Amino acid sequence: MRNQEGLTLTGFILWAVLGVIVLLLAVKIGPPYMEFMSLKKQMKIVAEDPALQSAPLNSIGGAFMMRASVENITSLGPDDLVIEKVDGKVVLAAAYTVCVPIISNLKACMDFKASTADY
């Protein structure tokens, strides 16, 4: 005689709850990470732009903020961006924190730090 195989109702409910929790976290935490990846990409583009290598620092910041507004980067303000020239190259750095509400008073706080000196 063969033993019965399959998924019980209790097992299905537990797996469904676990799946919903993972999906909720992915939906809530995913957009800040996507925005961070876009931020790093725009920082690299601005730092490598040959027209901005001899430009003053405030115009480099303005160029970055225009790119950031086009890419809908809202977590980073002009005060969070550090612009320097090191050995004739433009170096941009940023550090900021994003807190995302998960459920009720439960939040996920993420610290992001990016620099073009790493490339």
Protein backbone atom coordinates (compact mmCIF):
# COMPACT_ATOMS: atom_id res chain seq x y z
CA MET A 1 0.00 0.00 0.00
CA ARG A 2 1.26 3.50 -0.98
CA ASN A 3 1.43 6.41 1.44
CA GLN A 4 -0.54 9.45 0.49
CA GLU A 5 1.52 12.38 -0.82
CA GLY A 6 0.61 16.01 -1.21
CA LEU A 7 0.17 19.29 0.58
CA THR A 8 -2.16 19.70 3.52
CA LEU A 9 -4.38 22.75 3.98
CA THR A 10 -2.31 23.85 6.97
CA GLY A 11 0.91 23.52 5.00
CA PHE A 12 -0.59 25.46 2.10
CA ILE A 13 -1.73 28.29 4.39
CA LEU A 14 1.70 28.52 6.04
CA TRP A 15 3.48 28.63 2.66
CA ALA A 16 0.96 31.19 1.36
CA VAL A 17 1.52 33.48 4.37
CA LEU A 18 5.29 33.16 3.97
CA GLY A 19 4.98 33.96 0.27
CA VAL A 20 2.82 37.02 0.95
CA ILE A 21 5.35 38.32 3.50
CA VAL A 22 8.25 37.89 1.07
CA LEU A 23 6.26 39.54 -1.72
CA LEU A 24 5.30 42.45 0.55
CA LEU A 25 8.94 43.02 1.49
CA ALA A 26 10.02 42.89 -2.15
CA VAL A 27 7.37 45.40 -3.17
CA LYS A 28 8.22 47.80 -0.34
CA ILE A 29 12.02 47.49 -0.34
CA GLY A 30 12.58 47.05 -4.09
CA PRO A 31 11.94 50.65 -5.27
CA PRO A 32 14.58 52.27 -3.01
CA TYR A 33 17.18 49.80 -4.28
CA MET A 34 16.18 50.47 -7.89
CA GLU A 35 16.47 54.22 -7.21
CA PHE A 36 19.94 53.66 -5.69
CA MET A 37 21.10 51.77 -8.77
CA SER A 38 19.83 54.62 -10.95
CA LEU A 39 21.60 57.12 -8.70
CA LYS A 40 24.91 55.29 -9.03
CA LYS A 41 24.52 55.17 -12.81
CA GLN A 42 23.83 58.91 -13.06
CA MET A 43 26.74 59.73 -10.73
CA LYS A 44 29.09 57.72 -12.95
CA ILE A 45 27.81 59.42 -16.12
CA VAL A 46 28.26 62.91 -14.64
CA ALA A 47 31.71 62.09 -13.25
CA GLU A 48 32.91 60.78 -16.62
CA ASP A 49 31.43 63.60 -18.73
CA PRO A 50 34.39 65.33 -20.47
CA ALA A 51 32.53 68.66 -20.65
CA LEU A 52 32.21 68.79 -16.88
CA GLN A 53 35.84 67.97 -16.04
CA SER A 54 36.84 71.65 -16.18
CA ALA A 55 33.50 73.05 -14.98
CA PRO A 56 33.04 74.63 -11.56
CA LEU A 57 31.67 72.41 -8.80
CA ASN A 58 28.27 74.15 -8.59
CA SER A 59 27.59 73.56 -12.29
CA ILE A 60 28.52 69.88 -11.85
CA GLY A 61 25.98 69.70 -9.02
CA GLY A 62 23.38 71.39 -11.20
CA ALA A 63 24.04 68.93 -14.04
CA PHE A 64 23.65 66.01 -11.66
CA MET A 65 20.44 67.36 -10.14
CA MET A 66 18.93 67.84 -13.62
CA ARG A 67 19.78 64.23 -14.45
CA ALA A 68 18.38 63.12 -11.09
CA SER A 69 15.09 64.92 -11.72
CA VAL A 70 14.76 63.25 -15.13
CA GLU A 71 15.41 59.83 -13.55
CA ASN A 72 12.94 60.66 -10.72
CA ILE A 73 15.54 60.34 -7.96
CA THR A 74 13.79 61.90 -4.98
CA SER A 75 15.66 60.43 -1.99
CA LEU A 76 18.78 62.52 -2.59
CA GLY A 77 18.80 66.27 -2.14
CA PRO A 78 21.44 68.78 -3.22
CA ASP A 79 22.81 68.88 0.34
CA ASP A 80 23.44 65.12 0.36
CA LEU A 81 25.75 65.23 -2.66
CA VAL A 82 29.49 65.82 -2.14
CA ILE A 83 31.43 66.97 -5.20
CA GLU A 84 35.23 67.11 -5.27
CA LYS A 85 38.01 67.19 -7.82
CA VAL A 86 40.75 64.67 -7.10
CA ASP A 87 43.78 64.52 -9.40
CA GLY A 88 41.86 66.44 -12.08
CA LYS A 89 38.91 64.02 -12.01
CA VAL A 90 35.42 64.77 -10.74
CA VAL A 91 34.42 62.62 -7.77
CA LEU A 92 30.81 62.52 -6.61
CA ALA A 93 29.79 60.91 -3.33
CA ALA A 94 26.46 60.58 -1.59
CA ALA A 95 25.19 59.00 1.61
CA TYR A 96 21.56 58.96 2.65
CA THR A 97 18.99 56.93 4.56
CA VAL A 98 15.57 55.78 3.37
CA CYS A 99 12.93 54.51 5.81
CA VAL A 100 10.09 52.57 4.22
CA PRO A 101 6.95 51.73 6.20
CA ILE A 102 6.17 48.02 6.03
CA ILE A 103 3.10 47.47 8.21
CA SER A 104 1.61 49.90 10.75
CA ASN A 105 4.57 51.17 12.80
CA LEU A 106 7.10 48.66 11.44
CA LYS A 107 9.69 50.33 9.18
CA ALA A 108 12.68 49.18 7.19
CA CYS A 109 15.50 51.75 7.28
CA MET A 110 18.21 51.38 4.66
CA ASP A 111 21.50 53.27 4.53
CA PHE A 112 22.88 53.89 1.05
CA LYS A 113 26.38 55.11 0.23
CA ALA A 114 27.80 55.62 -3.26
CA SER A 115 30.93 57.20 -4.65
CA THR A 116 32.46 57.48 -8.08
CA ALA A 117 35.93 57.08 -6.52
CA ASP A 118 35.20 53.33 -6.33
CA TYR A 119 35.10 52.96 -10.13
